[in-house]
Amino acid sequence: MPFTEINSKMVEATVVPGQKLYSQRGAMLAYRGEVTFTPNIQGGQGGVMSMIGRRVANEATPLMTVEGQGTVMFGHGGHHIQVISLAGDTLYVEADRLLAFDGSLQQGTMFMGSQGGVMGMVRGQVTGQGLFTTTLKGHGAVAVMAHGGVVELPITPQGPVHVDPQAYVAHHGDVRNKLSAALGWREMVGRGSGEAFQLELSGSGAVYVQASEEKL
């Protein structure tokens, strides 16, 4: 794993010759060694079609290609950072939550309607996150941002997880999502956002939930 957590809001990445990292523009705090930062116009590992798909999906968060030899410290906006390790599976995450990730990971864009059908589309409209989401697949590490810290909740065939869509950060594994109405005590006491929904995730994997309903 190229990332070392310095504290809850900063990570340090090790950059070695012949291997790339991608980071959100403006996320570099400091670096040591011979490291270069180049604006990425090819959409990461997904190439031009991935870049086009991200722009159509409003998923066009600018990236920097990080290369060379040394160490780089990353952080952005004082947000909490969670490092997620992938072992061949796929991470589904909103593009604006990506702080940095291994260049070896294959980057793409997925239409959320394909996970949960029409309700997947409704989820995008309700959360304001769009109908598409970014995917990262392979072996490597990803540093994502969130408000108020992150908890990882396992998803098992016997135990689906229900998440407030506003608190959802990312998920990985063989997971299906479904949006359902969630009228309950929160709406009764006035904490509802006006759209009472729950995101149900089932299958095998994990979901990352932030301790806040605030968007980045």
C-alpha atoms as a PDB file:
ATOM      1  CA  MET A   1       0.000   0.000   0.000  1.00  0.00           C
ATOM      2  CA  PRO A   2       1.508   3.364  -1.018  1.00  0.00           C
ATOM      3  CA  PHE A   3      -0.449   5.368   1.605  1.00  0.00           C
ATOM      4  CA  THR A   4       0.440   5.895   5.253  1.00  0.00           C
ATOM      5  CA  GLU A   5      -2.046   7.691   7.480  1.00  0.00           C
ATOM      6  CA  ILE A   6      -0.307  10.594   9.227  1.00  0.00           C
ATOM      7  CA  ASN A   7      -3.464  11.620  11.060  1.00  0.00           C
ATOM      8  CA  SER A   8      -7.186  11.573  10.342  1.00  0.00           C
ATOM      9  CA  LYS A   9      -6.856  14.367   7.748  1.00  0.00           C
ATOM     10  CA  MET A  10      -3.490  13.698   6.090  1.00  0.00           C
ATOM     11  CA  VAL A  11      -1.877  10.759   4.301  1.00  0.00           C
ATOM     12  CA  GLU A  12       1.611  10.258   2.923  1.00  0.00           C
ATOM     13  CA  ALA A  13       2.161   8.406  -0.350  1.00  0.00           C
ATOM     14  CA  THR A  14       5.344   6.666  -1.453  1.00  0.00           C
ATOM     15  CA  VAL A  15       6.148   7.331  -5.121  1.00  0.00           C
ATOM     16  CA  VAL A  16       8.527   4.944  -6.884  1.00  0.00           C
ATOM     17  CA  PRO A  17       9.947   5.027 -10.437  1.00  0.00           C
ATOM     18  CA  GLY A  18       7.774   3.352 -13.043  1.00  0.00           C
ATOM     19  CA  GLN A  19       4.569   3.592 -11.009  1.00  0.00           C
ATOM     20  CA  LYS A  20       1.967   6.359 -11.097  1.00  0.00           C
ATOM     21  CA  LEU A  21      -0.414   7.821  -8.588  1.00  0.00           C
ATOM     22  CA  TYR A  22      -3.428   9.968  -9.373  1.00  0.00           C
ATOM     23  CA  SER A  23      -4.570  12.710  -7.025  1.00  0.00           C
ATOM     24  CA  GLN A  24      -7.213  15.380  -6.946  1.00  0.00           C
ATOM     25  CA  ARG A  25      -5.816  18.725  -8.047  1.00  0.00           C
ATOM     26  CA  GLY A  26      -4.917  20.922  -5.107  1.00  0.00           C
ATOM     27  CA  ALA A  27      -4.545  17.938  -2.763  1.00  0.00           C
ATOM     28  CA  MET A  28      -0.724  18.016  -2.516  1.00  0.00           C
ATOM     29  CA  LEU A  29       0.405  19.535   0.802  1.00  0.00           C
ATOM     30  CA  ALA A  30       4.149  18.841   0.673  1.00  0.00           C
ATOM     31  CA  TYR A  31       6.624  16.436  -0.881  1.00  0.00           C
ATOM     32  CA  ARG A  32      10.191  15.152  -0.643  1.00  0.00           C
ATOM     33  CA  GLY A  33      12.379  13.861  -3.464  1.00  0.00           C
ATOM     34  CA  GLU A  34      12.135  14.130  -7.233  1.00  0.00           C
ATOM     35  CA  VAL A  35       8.395  14.106  -7.828  1.00  0.00           C
ATOM     36  CA  THR A  36       6.466  15.597 -10.751  1.00  0.00           C
ATOM     37  CA  PHE A  37       2.793  16.613 -10.931  1.00  0.00           C
ATOM     38  CA  THR A  38       1.131  16.729 -14.354  1.00  0.00           C
ATOM     39  CA  PRO A  39      -2.477  17.649 -15.172  1.00  0.00           C
ATOM     40  CA  ASN A  40      -4.235  14.502 -16.351  1.00  0.00           C
ATOM     41  CA  ILE A  41      -6.358  14.941 -19.487  1.00  0.00           C
ATOM     42  CA  GLN A  42      -6.842  11.272 -20.349  1.00  0.00           C
ATOM     43  CA  GLY A  43      -9.260  10.374 -17.542  1.00  0.00           C
ATOM     44  CA  GLY A  44      -6.866   8.042 -15.711  1.00  0.00           C
ATOM     45  CA  GLN A  45      -6.709   4.373 -16.638  1.00  0.00           C
ATOM     46  CA  GLY A  46     -10.075   4.625 -18.371  1.00  0.00           C
ATOM     47  CA  GLY A  47      -8.634   6.700 -21.223  1.00  0.00           C
ATOM     48  CA  VAL A  48     -10.518   9.201 -23.333  1.00  0.00           C
ATOM     49  CA  MET A  49     -13.851   7.376 -23.198  1.00  0.00           C
ATOM     50  CA  SER A  50     -13.701   7.348 -19.416  1.00  0.00           C
ATOM     51  CA  MET A  51     -13.024  11.088 -19.452  1.00  0.00           C
ATOM     52  CA  ILE A  52     -16.002  11.672 -21.767  1.00  0.00           C
ATOM     53  CA  GLY A  53     -18.220   9.465 -19.622  1.00  0.00           C
ATOM     54  CA  ARG A  54     -17.184  11.338 -16.493  1.00  0.00           C
ATOM     55  CA  ARG A  55     -17.978  14.699 -18.086  1.00  0.00           C
ATOM     56  CA  VAL A  56     -21.381  13.510 -19.266  1.00  0.00           C
ATOM     57  CA  ALA A  57     -22.000  12.198 -15.771  1.00  0.00           C
ATOM     58  CA  ASN A  58     -20.791  15.382 -14.063  1.00  0.00           C
ATOM     59  CA  GLU A  59     -17.986  13.234 -12.695  1.00  0.00           C
ATOM     60  CA  ALA A  60     -15.163  15.355 -14.100  1.00  0.00           C
ATOM     61  CA  THR A  61     -13.121  16.016 -10.963  1.00  0.00           C
ATOM     62  CA  PRO A  62      -9.691  17.177 -12.255  1.00  0.00           C
ATOM     63  CA  LEU A  63      -6.808  14.782 -11.581  1.00  0.00           C
ATOM     64  CA  MET A  64      -3.040  15.111 -11.368  1.00  0.00           C
ATOM     65  CA  THR A  65      -0.615  12.391 -12.423  1.00  0.00           C
ATOM     66  CA  VAL A  66       2.075  11.948  -9.760  1.00  0.00           C
ATOM     67  CA  GLU A  67       5.372  10.325 -10.793  1.00  0.00           C
ATOM     68  CA  GLY A  68       9.017  10.120  -9.781  1.00  0.00           C
ATOM     69  CA  GLN A  69      10.685   9.032  -6.562  1.00  0.00           C
ATOM     70  CA  GLY A  70       9.921  10.362  -3.122  1.00  0.00           C
ATOM     71  CA  THR A  71       7.030  10.896  -0.722  1.00  0.00           C
ATOM     72  CA  VAL A  72       4.014  13.170  -1.036  1.00  0.00           C
ATOM     73  CA  MET A  73       1.641  14.379   1.673  1.00  0.00           C
ATOM     74  CA  PHE A  74      -2.005  14.708   0.640  1.00  0.00           C
ATOM     75  CA  GLY A  75      -5.017  16.359   2.255  1.00  0.00           C
ATOM     76  CA  HIS A  76      -7.860  18.569   1.122  1.00  0.00           C
ATOM     77  CA  GLY A  77     -10.245  20.989   2.811  1.00  0.00           C
ATOM     78  CA  GLY A  78      -9.617  19.557   6.258  1.00  0.00           C
ATOM     79  CA  HIS A  79     -11.758  16.533   5.349  1.00  0.00           C
ATOM     80  CA  HIS A  80     -11.274  13.221   7.094  1.00  0.00           C
ATOM     81  CA  ILE A  81      -9.451  10.632   4.983  1.00  0.00           C
ATOM     82  CA  GLN A  82     -10.056   6.894   4.781  1.00  0.00           C
ATOM     83  CA  VAL A  83      -7.609   4.558   3.019  1.00  0.00           C
ATOM     84  CA  ILE A  84      -9.314   1.607   1.327  1.00  0.00           C
ATOM     85  CA  SER A  85      -7.364  -1.414   0.065  1.00  0.00           C
ATOM     86  CA  LEU A  86      -8.656  -3.315  -2.964  1.00  0.00           C
ATOM     87  CA  ALA A  87      -7.713  -6.924  -3.679  1.00  0.00           C
ATOM     88  CA  GLY A  88      -9.093  -7.379  -7.167  1.00  0.00           C
ATOM     89  CA  ASP A  89     -12.571  -6.064  -6.459  1.00  0.00           C
ATOM     90  CA  THR A  90     -14.278  -2.837  -7.509  1.00  0.00           C
ATOM     91  CA  LEU A  91     -14.803   0.296  -5.441  1.00  0.00           C
ATOM     92  CA  TYR A  92     -17.821   2.488  -6.232  1.00  0.00           C
ATOM     93  CA  VAL A  93     -17.201   6.070  -5.095  1.00  0.00           C
ATOM     94  CA  GLU A  94     -18.272   9.593  -6.016  1.00  0.00           C
ATOM     95  CA  ALA A  95     -15.510  11.340  -7.986  1.00  0.00           C
ATOM     96  CA  ASP A  96     -15.335  14.396  -5.723  1.00  0.00           C
ATOM     97  CA  ARG A  97     -14.512  12.125  -2.765  1.00  0.00           C
ATOM     98  CA  LEU A  98     -11.323  10.789  -4.380  1.00  0.00           C
ATOM     99  CA  LEU A  99      -8.195  12.248  -2.797  1.00  0.00           C
ATOM    100  CA  ALA A 100      -5.583   9.934  -4.375  1.00  0.00           C
ATOM    101  CA  PHE A 101      -5.305   6.387  -5.689  1.00  0.00           C
ATOM    102  CA  ASP A 102      -2.914   3.868  -7.225  1.00  0.00           C
ATOM    103  CA  GLY A 103      -2.311   4.379 -10.924  1.00  0.00           C
ATOM    104  CA  SER A 104      -2.523   0.615 -11.405  1.00  0.00           C
ATOM    105  CA  LEU A 105      -6.244   0.650 -10.662  1.00  0.00           C
ATOM    106  CA  GLN A 106      -8.568   0.595 -13.658  1.00  0.00           C
ATOM    107  CA  GLN A 107     -10.816   3.643 -13.621  1.00  0.00           C
ATOM    108  CA  GLY A 108     -14.288   3.783 -15.127  1.00  0.00           C
ATOM    109  CA  THR A 109     -17.787   5.210 -14.830  1.00  0.00           C
ATOM    110  CA  MET A 110     -20.948   3.277 -13.997  1.00  0.00           C
ATOM    111  CA  PHE A 111     -24.577   4.235 -14.573  1.00  0.00           C
ATOM    112  CA  MET A 112     -26.195   3.928 -11.147  1.00  0.00           C
ATOM    113  CA  GLY A 113     -29.438   2.777 -12.745  1.00  0.00           C
ATOM    114  CA  SER A 114     -27.758  -0.565 -13.422  1.00  0.00           C
ATOM    115  CA  GLN A 115     -27.593  -1.181  -9.676  1.00  0.00           C
ATOM    116  CA  GLY A 116     -31.113  -1.060  -8.359  1.00  0.00           C
ATOM    117  CA  GLY A 117     -32.876  -0.187 -11.624  1.00  0.00           C
ATOM    118  CA  VAL A 118     -35.097   2.871 -11.558  1.00  0.00           C
ATOM    119  CA  MET A 119     -34.537   3.300  -7.830  1.00  0.00           C
ATOM    120  CA  GLY A 120     -30.830   3.591  -8.492  1.00  0.00           C
ATOM    121  CA  MET A 121     -31.622   6.562 -10.685  1.00  0.00           C
ATOM    122  CA  VAL A 122     -33.835   8.051  -7.986  1.00  0.00           C
ATOM    123  CA  ARG A 123     -30.985   7.708  -5.519  1.00  0.00           C
ATOM    124  CA  GLY A 124     -28.784   9.887  -7.705  1.00  0.00           C
ATOM    125  CA  GLN A 125     -31.434  12.570  -7.919  1.00  0.00           C
ATOM    126  CA  VAL A 126     -32.163  12.525  -4.190  1.00  0.00           C
ATOM    127  CA  THR A 127     -28.539  12.682  -3.077  1.00  0.00           C
ATOM    128  CA  GLY A 128     -27.483  15.203  -5.714  1.00  0.00           C
ATOM    129  CA  GLN A 129     -24.574  12.885  -6.612  1.00  0.00           C
ATOM    130  CA  GLY A 130     -25.681  12.322 -10.180  1.00  0.00           C
ATOM    131  CA  LEU A 131     -26.828   9.185 -11.972  1.00  0.00           C
ATOM    132  CA  PHE A 132     -23.277   7.927 -12.523  1.00  0.00           C
ATOM    133  CA  THR A 133     -20.496   7.024 -10.128  1.00  0.00           C
ATOM    134  CA  THR A 134     -16.764   6.391 -10.491  1.00  0.00           C
ATOM    135  CA  THR A 135     -15.382   2.853 -10.309  1.00  0.00           C
ATOM    136  CA  LEU A 136     -11.853   1.765  -9.405  1.00  0.00           C
ATOM    137  CA  LYS A 137     -10.940  -1.879  -9.952  1.00  0.00           C
ATOM    138  CA  GLY A 138      -7.862  -4.010  -9.293  1.00  0.00           C
ATOM    139  CA  HIS A 139      -5.184  -4.379  -6.645  1.00  0.00           C
ATOM    140  CA  GLY A 140      -4.156  -1.194  -4.875  1.00  0.00           C
ATOM    141  CA  ALA A 141      -5.186   1.511  -2.448  1.00  0.00           C
ATOM    142  CA  VAL A 142      -7.556   4.469  -2.580  1.00  0.00           C
ATOM    143  CA  ALA A 143      -7.709   7.468  -0.244  1.00  0.00           C
ATOM    144  CA  VAL A 144     -11.225   8.918  -0.017  1.00  0.00           C
ATOM    145  CA  MET A 145     -12.550  11.996   1.790  1.00  0.00           C
ATOM    146  CA  ALA A 146     -15.509  12.341   4.117  1.00  0.00           C
ATOM    147  CA  HIS A 147     -17.017  14.599   6.769  1.00  0.00           C
ATOM    148  CA  GLY A 148     -16.586  13.680  10.425  1.00  0.00           C
ATOM    149  CA  GLY A 149     -14.777  10.387   9.968  1.00  0.00           C
ATOM    150  CA  VAL A 150     -15.733   7.099   8.321  1.00  0.00           C
ATOM    151  CA  VAL A 151     -16.869   3.698   9.539  1.00  0.00           C
ATOM    152  CA  GLU A 152     -16.664   0.502   7.461  1.00  0.00           C
ATOM    153  CA  LEU A 153     -19.748  -1.707   7.746  1.00  0.00           C
ATOM    154  CA  PRO A 154     -19.588  -5.280   6.422  1.00  0.00           C
ATOM    155  CA  ILE A 155     -22.375  -6.418   4.090  1.00  0.00           C
ATOM    156  CA  THR A 156     -23.219 -10.129   4.157  1.00  0.00           C
ATOM    157  CA  PRO A 157     -25.908 -12.204   2.412  1.00  0.00           C
ATOM    158  CA  GLN A 158     -27.545 -12.606   5.830  1.00  0.00           C
ATOM    159  CA  GLY A 159     -27.127  -8.978   6.842  1.00  0.00           C
ATOM    160  CA  PRO A 160     -27.969  -6.135   4.445  1.00  0.00           C
ATOM    161  CA  VAL A 161     -27.100  -2.623   5.600  1.00  0.00           C
ATOM    162  CA  HIS A 162     -29.442   0.370   5.482  1.00  0.00           C
ATOM    163  CA  VAL A 163     -27.710   3.742   5.041  1.00  0.00           C
ATOM    164  CA  ASP A 164     -28.886   7.336   4.914  1.00  0.00           C
ATOM    165  CA  PRO A 165     -28.065   8.282   1.284  1.00  0.00           C
ATOM    166  CA  GLN A 166     -26.531  11.569   2.472  1.00  0.00           C
ATOM    167  CA  ALA A 167     -24.085   9.644   4.716  1.00  0.00           C
ATOM    168  CA  TYR A 168     -23.021   7.190   1.985  1.00  0.00           C
ATOM    169  CA  VAL A 169     -19.365   7.499   0.914  1.00  0.00           C
ATOM    170  CA  ALA A 170     -18.482   4.379  -1.098  1.00  0.00           C
ATOM    171  CA  HIS A 171     -18.886   0.620  -1.277  1.00  0.00           C
ATOM    172  CA  HIS A 172     -17.095  -2.384  -2.737  1.00  0.00           C
ATOM    173  CA  GLY A 173     -17.773  -6.031  -3.391  1.00  0.00           C
ATOM    174  CA  ASP A 174     -20.660  -7.902  -5.000  1.00  0.00           C
ATOM    175  CA  VAL A 175     -23.270  -5.478  -3.704  1.00  0.00           C
ATOM    176  CA  ARG A 176     -26.710  -4.442  -4.927  1.00  0.00           C
ATOM    177  CA  ASN A 177     -28.370  -1.192  -3.879  1.00  0.00           C
ATOM    178  CA  LYS A 178     -32.033  -0.325  -3.566  1.00  0.00           C
ATOM    179  CA  LEU A 179     -33.653   2.890  -2.455  1.00  0.00           C
ATOM    180  CA  SER A 180     -36.788   2.733  -0.315  1.00  0.00           C
ATOM    181  CA  ALA A 181     -39.017   5.149   1.574  1.00  0.00           C
ATOM    182  CA  ALA A 182     -37.988   5.531   5.204  1.00  0.00           C
ATOM    183  CA  LEU A 183     -40.617   7.432   7.135  1.00  0.00           C
ATOM    184  CA  GLY A 184     -39.757   7.264  10.808  1.00  0.00           C
ATOM    185  CA  TRP A 185     -38.725   9.067  13.950  1.00  0.00           C
ATOM    186  CA  ARG A 186     -36.281  11.395  12.184  1.00  0.00           C
ATOM    187  CA  GLU A 187     -39.043  12.926  10.089  1.00  0.00           C
ATOM    188  CA  MET A 188     -41.285  13.132  13.147  1.00  0.00           C
ATOM    189  CA  VAL A 189     -38.739  15.174  15.103  1.00  0.00           C
ATOM    190  CA  GLY A 190     -37.891  17.430  12.181  1.00  0.00           C
ATOM    191  CA  ARG A 191     -34.462  16.103  11.216  1.00  0.00           C
ATOM    192  CA  GLY A 192     -35.586  14.873   7.812  1.00  0.00           C
ATOM    193  CA  SER A 193     -34.155  16.528   4.700  1.00  0.00           C
ATOM    194  CA  GLY A 194     -37.518  16.546   2.964  1.00  0.00           C
ATOM    195  CA  GLU A 195     -36.706  13.313   1.086  1.00  0.00           C
ATOM    196  CA  ALA A 196     -37.243  10.344   3.380  1.00  0.00           C
ATOM    197  CA  PHE A 197     -35.237   7.501   1.840  1.00  0.00           C
ATOM    198  CA  GLN A 198     -32.961   4.701   2.914  1.00  0.00           C
ATOM    199  CA  LEU A 199     -30.287   3.088   0.759  1.00  0.00           C
ATOM    200  CA  GLU A 200     -30.335  -0.691   1.237  1.00  0.00           C
ATOM    201  CA  LEU A 201     -27.123  -2.510   0.299  1.00  0.00           C
ATOM    202  CA  SER A 202     -27.186  -6.302   0.097  1.00  0.00           C
ATOM    203  CA  GLY A 203     -24.814  -9.030  -1.027  1.00  0.00           C
ATOM    204  CA  SER A 204     -21.183  -9.467   0.020  1.00  0.00           C
ATOM    205  CA  GLY A 205     -18.802  -6.566   0.592  1.00  0.00           C
ATOM    206  CA  ALA A 206     -18.600  -3.415   2.672  1.00  0.00           C
ATOM    207  CA  VAL A 207     -20.006   0.111   2.714  1.00  0.00           C
ATOM    208  CA  TYR A 208     -18.264   3.215   4.045  1.00  0.00           C
ATOM    209  CA  VAL A 209     -20.438   5.667   5.959  1.00  0.00           C
ATOM    210  CA  GLN A 210     -19.479   9.162   7.110  1.00  0.00           C
ATOM    211  CA  ALA A 211     -20.477  10.709  10.423  1.00  0.00           C
ATOM    212  CA  SER A 212     -22.341  13.531   8.738  1.00  0.00           C
ATOM    213  CA  GLU A 213     -25.042  14.250   6.153  1.00  0.00           C
ATOM    214  CA  GLU A 214     -23.024  17.099   4.659  1.00  0.00           C
ATOM    215  CA  LYS A 215     -21.795  16.887   1.054  1.00  0.00           C
ATOM    216  CA  LEU A 216     -18.194  17.713   0.191  1.00  0.00           C
END
